[in-house]
Protein backbone atom coordinates (compact mmCIF):
# COMPACT_ATOMS: atom_id res chain seq x y z
CA MET A 1 24.66 11.80 2.00
CA ASN A 2 23.33 8.88 -0.07
CA VAL A 3 19.76 9.13 -1.26
CA LYS A 4 17.11 6.65 -2.22
CA VAL A 5 14.29 7.17 -4.67
CA LEU A 6 10.82 5.71 -4.31
CA VAL A 7 8.29 5.67 -7.13
CA LEU A 8 4.64 5.39 -6.14
CA ALA A 9 1.61 4.76 -8.34
CA CYS A 10 -2.05 4.51 -7.45
CA LEU A 11 -5.24 3.53 -9.19
CA LEU A 12 -8.61 4.03 -7.58
CA VAL A 13 -11.39 1.89 -8.97
CA VAL A 14 -14.99 2.05 -7.75
CA SER A 15 -17.26 -0.29 -9.67
CA VAL A 16 -16.29 0.39 -13.30
CA HIS A 17 -15.26 4.01 -12.90
CA ILE A 18 -11.49 4.32 -13.12
CA SER A 19 -9.43 7.39 -12.24
CA ALA A 20 -6.39 8.47 -14.20
CA GLN A 21 -3.14 6.78 -13.26
CA LYS A 22 -0.97 8.97 -11.03
CA TYR A 23 2.71 8.83 -10.10
CA SER A 24 4.85 10.34 -7.38
CA GLN A 25 8.63 10.20 -7.13
CA VAL A 26 10.25 10.99 -3.78
CA VAL A 27 13.95 11.32 -2.99
CA LEU A 28 14.93 10.53 0.60
CA LYS A 29 18.11 10.54 2.65
CA ASP A 30 19.38 6.97 2.94
CA ILE A 31 18.81 6.71 6.68
CA PRO A 32 17.26 3.60 8.28
CA PHE A 33 13.84 4.22 9.79
CA GLU A 34 13.36 2.18 12.95
CA PRO A 35 10.40 3.55 14.93
CA ASN A 36 9.94 2.42 18.49
CA ILE A 37 6.50 0.81 18.08
CA GLU A 38 5.61 -2.45 19.77
CA LEU A 39 3.73 -4.95 17.65
CA ASN A 40 0.06 -5.10 18.54
CA LYS A 41 -0.49 -8.65 19.76
CA ASP A 42 -4.23 -8.66 19.07
CA LEU A 43 -3.67 -7.58 15.47
CA VAL A 44 -0.88 -10.11 14.96
CA GLU A 45 -3.09 -12.92 16.31
CA LYS A 46 -5.99 -11.89 14.08
CA LEU A 47 -3.77 -11.89 11.01
CA GLU A 48 -2.14 -15.18 11.95
CA ASP A 49 -5.58 -16.80 11.88
CA ASN A 50 -5.75 -16.02 8.17
CA LYS A 51 -4.38 -18.70 5.84
CA VAL A 52 -3.49 -16.23 3.08
CA TYR A 53 -1.50 -14.10 5.51
CA ARG A 54 0.39 -17.11 6.88
CA SER A 55 1.38 -18.21 3.39
CA SER A 56 2.58 -14.73 2.33
CA SER A 57 6.22 -13.68 2.35
CA LYS A 58 7.68 -12.00 5.42
CA ALA A 59 7.84 -8.67 3.57
CA ALA A 60 4.22 -8.95 2.41
CA ARG A 61 3.07 -9.84 5.93
CA SER A 62 4.84 -6.75 7.27
CA PHE A 63 3.12 -4.49 4.74
CA ILE A 64 -0.27 -6.04 5.49
CA TYR A 65 0.32 -5.58 9.22
CA TRP A 66 1.27 -1.90 8.96
CA THR A 67 -1.61 -1.12 6.59
CA ASN A 68 -4.03 -2.58 9.10
CA PHE A 69 -2.30 -0.92 12.06
CA ALA A 70 -2.64 2.48 10.41
CA ARG A 71 -6.37 1.90 9.75
CA LEU A 72 -7.18 0.53 13.19
CA TYR A 73 -4.99 2.89 15.25
CA PRO A 74 -4.66 6.08 13.15
CA LYS A 75 -3.61 8.41 15.98
CA THR A 76 -0.95 6.02 17.26
CA PHE A 77 0.28 5.54 13.70
CA ARG A 78 0.51 9.32 13.34
CA ASP A 79 2.37 9.86 16.62
CA GLU A 80 4.70 6.86 16.60
CA ALA A 81 5.37 6.37 12.88
CA LEU A 82 4.46 9.35 10.72
CA ILE A 83 5.80 12.20 12.85
CA PRO A 84 9.15 10.44 13.61
CA PHE A 85 9.49 9.64 9.89
CA ILE A 86 8.99 13.28 8.91
CA LYS A 87 11.54 14.37 11.53
CA LEU A 88 14.01 11.90 10.02
CA GLN A 89 13.22 13.11 6.49
CA PRO A 90 12.58 16.89 6.86
CA THR A 91 12.21 17.36 3.08
CA LEU A 92 8.80 15.72 3.50
CA LYS A 93 7.52 18.63 5.59
CA GLY A 94 4.86 20.78 3.98
CA LYS A 95 1.18 20.82 3.10
CA TYR A 96 0.93 17.10 2.34
CA ALA A 97 2.45 16.15 5.69
CA ASN A 98 0.37 18.73 7.52
CA SER A 99 -2.90 17.55 5.98
CA LEU A 100 -2.09 13.92 6.75
CA ILE A 101 -1.26 14.71 10.38
CA ILE A 102 -4.61 16.49 10.73
CA GLU A 103 -6.52 13.74 8.94
CA LEU A 104 -5.03 10.94 11.05
CA GLY A 105 -5.98 12.92 14.15
CA LYS A 106 -9.62 13.19 13.10
CA ILE A 107 -10.40 9.92 11.37
CA ALA A 108 -12.19 7.13 13.22
CA PRO A 109 -10.74 3.60 13.10
CA LEU A 110 -11.39 1.94 9.75
CA PRO A 111 -12.42 -1.66 9.02
CA PHE A 112 -9.86 -4.43 9.27
CA LEU A 113 -8.45 -5.55 5.92
CA GLU A 114 -8.63 -9.33 5.66
CA PRO A 115 -5.98 -10.92 3.41
CA GLU A 116 -7.85 -12.43 0.46
CA VAL A 117 -6.71 -15.10 -1.98
CA LYS A 118 -7.93 -13.54 -5.27
CA LEU A 119 -6.49 -10.11 -4.49
CA THR A 120 -3.22 -11.73 -3.43
CA LYS A 121 -3.07 -13.64 -6.69
CA ALA A 122 -3.72 -10.42 -8.64
CA ALA A 123 -0.93 -8.66 -6.73
CA GLU A 124 1.50 -11.51 -7.33
CA LEU A 125 0.76 -11.71 -11.06
CA HIS A 126 1.14 -7.96 -11.55
CA ALA A 127 4.33 -7.77 -9.48
CA GLU A 128 5.83 -10.55 -11.58
CA ASP A 129 4.75 -8.79 -14.79
CA ILE A 130 6.35 -5.50 -13.70
CA ALA A 131 9.55 -7.30 -12.69
CA GLN A 132 9.77 -8.95 -16.10
CA ASN A 133 9.09 -5.60 -17.77
CA ASN A 134 12.30 -3.96 -16.48
CA GLY A 135 10.62 -2.74 -13.31
CA ARG A 136 8.46 -0.16 -15.11
CA VAL A 137 5.74 0.84 -12.65
CA SER A 138 2.32 0.84 -14.27
CA HIS A 139 -1.22 -0.31 -13.58
CA GLN A 140 -1.42 -1.63 -17.14
CA SER A 141 0.05 -5.05 -17.77
CA SER A 142 2.74 -5.56 -20.40
CA ASP A 143 0.19 -7.33 -22.63
CA GLY A 144 -2.04 -4.24 -22.57
CA SER A 145 -4.62 -5.57 -20.12
CA SER A 146 -6.06 -3.06 -17.65
CA PHE A 147 -6.55 -3.23 -13.91
CA SER A 148 -10.19 -4.19 -14.45
CA ASP A 149 -9.07 -6.94 -16.82
CA ARG A 150 -6.73 -8.28 -14.14
CA MET A 151 -9.47 -8.28 -11.51
CA LYS A 152 -11.75 -10.20 -13.89
CA LYS A 153 -8.95 -12.67 -14.58
CA VAL A 154 -8.68 -13.63 -10.91
CA GLY A 155 -12.47 -13.58 -10.49
CA TYR A 156 -12.75 -10.62 -8.14
CA LYS A 157 -16.09 -8.91 -8.75
CA ALA A 158 -16.36 -6.23 -6.04
CA CYS A 159 -15.04 -2.66 -6.06
CA SER A 160 -11.27 -2.49 -5.76
CA GLY A 161 -8.19 -0.28 -5.98
CA GLU A 162 -4.44 -0.62 -6.34
CA ASN A 163 -1.33 1.04 -4.95
CA ILE A 164 2.20 0.34 -6.20
CA SER A 165 5.50 1.31 -4.60
CA LEU A 166 9.05 0.80 -5.88
CA GLY A 167 12.01 1.64 -3.67
CA ASN A 168 14.64 0.42 -1.23
CA ASP A 169 12.30 -0.27 1.67
CA GLN A 170 11.95 -4.01 2.27
CA ASP A 171 9.76 -4.00 5.39
CA GLY A 172 7.25 -1.65 3.78
CA LEU A 173 6.66 0.90 6.55
CA SER A 174 8.47 3.76 4.81
CA SER A 175 6.73 2.94 1.55
CA LEU A 176 3.36 2.88 3.28
CA LEU A 177 4.03 6.26 4.91
CA LEU A 178 4.89 7.73 1.52
CA LEU A 179 1.70 6.29 0.03
CA TYR A 180 -0.23 8.08 2.77
CA LEU A 181 1.68 11.33 2.27
CA ASP A 182 1.04 11.44 -1.51
CA ILE A 183 3.71 14.09 -2.06
CA ASN A 184 2.97 16.14 -5.21
CA LEU A 185 -0.25 14.26 -5.93
CA PRO A 186 -3.03 16.80 -5.32
CA ASP A 187 -5.83 14.24 -5.75
CA LEU A 188 -4.35 12.15 -2.89
CA GLY A 189 -5.19 8.93 -4.71
CA HIS A 190 -3.07 6.61 -2.55
CA ARG A 191 -4.43 8.16 0.63
CA LYS A 192 -8.00 7.83 -0.61
CA ASN A 193 -7.43 4.15 -1.29
CA LEU A 194 -5.92 3.58 2.15
CA PHE A 195 -8.63 5.60 3.94
CA ASN A 196 -11.50 4.00 2.01
CA SER A 197 -13.90 2.57 4.59
CA SER A 198 -15.56 0.38 1.94
CA TYR A 199 -12.46 -1.76 1.61
CA THR A 200 -12.34 -4.84 3.83
CA LYS A 201 -10.02 -7.11 1.82
CA ILE A 202 -6.34 -6.90 0.89
CA GLY A 203 -3.76 -8.67 -1.23
CA VAL A 204 -0.05 -7.80 -1.25
CA SER A 205 2.99 -8.96 -3.17
CA VAL A 206 6.55 -7.79 -2.47
CA LYS A 207 9.16 -8.66 -5.05
CA GLN A 208 12.85 -7.78 -5.25
CA VAL A 209 13.83 -6.29 -8.61
CA PRO A 210 17.20 -5.12 -10.04
CA ASN A 211 19.28 -2.45 -8.28
CA ASN A 212 18.32 -3.87 -4.87
CA GLN A 213 14.86 -2.36 -5.05
CA PHE A 214 11.62 -3.78 -3.74
CA LEU A 215 8.36 -3.63 -5.64
CA ILE A 216 5.17 -3.62 -3.58
CA VAL A 217 1.81 -4.19 -5.23
CA GLN A 218 -1.18 -3.67 -2.94
CA GLU A 219 -4.71 -4.61 -3.96
CA LEU A 220 -7.64 -3.37 -1.85
CA GLY A 221 -11.17 -4.65 -2.25
CA CYS A 222 -14.75 -4.44 -1.02
CA GLN A 223 -16.67 -7.43 0.24
CA GLU A 224 -17.79 -9.63 -2.64
CA ALA A 225 -21.47 -10.48 -2.84
CA PRO A 226 -22.27 -13.98 -1.57
CA LYS A 227 -22.84 -16.65 -4.18
CA ASN A 228 -26.42 -17.72 -4.70
């Protein structure tokens, strides 16, 4: 059986306090994951009203959609996406899967993540930098600048966080599920980012890199203070 490897990295940033960078590498059976979930028309219409979303790539739009679907409909996401995915990939079973199943069953719907131009620009710039740096997944840019530096560069001044995924999944659902699972990452950094109720903004870039892999950079942000 062929396998595919996904590398995941998260960085949680609240104000100026930055957690240590964490990585997770997961090996999966190379089996297509095609869950039987109908697109939510209300969510699609809400996203289509957003100019940033409309101008994003098809792959980025898919990742934005599924991230919002999971936040708005956590129990449905658990039953119709997570559980079928674990059945398809039984090596994922264990304490991380069990805790996520419980958490998705208890959590209340979270705020909608509105696609935002500055966060999208930050995601695009970092994805391009990683691609030009031989696909090495990191939250630090090749010129040494930090995540906070990159947020300042695009002018984003509210709290923010970043998730990165590298693997064979173009539509993003499998990568998103693995970010939620946080296999072998006891601090559950990706999951904390995705479950953070303070975040209301999102920016995503999906870029194909060598070896037919897809890099996903996801920026999550709080509401910026209004200008005086």
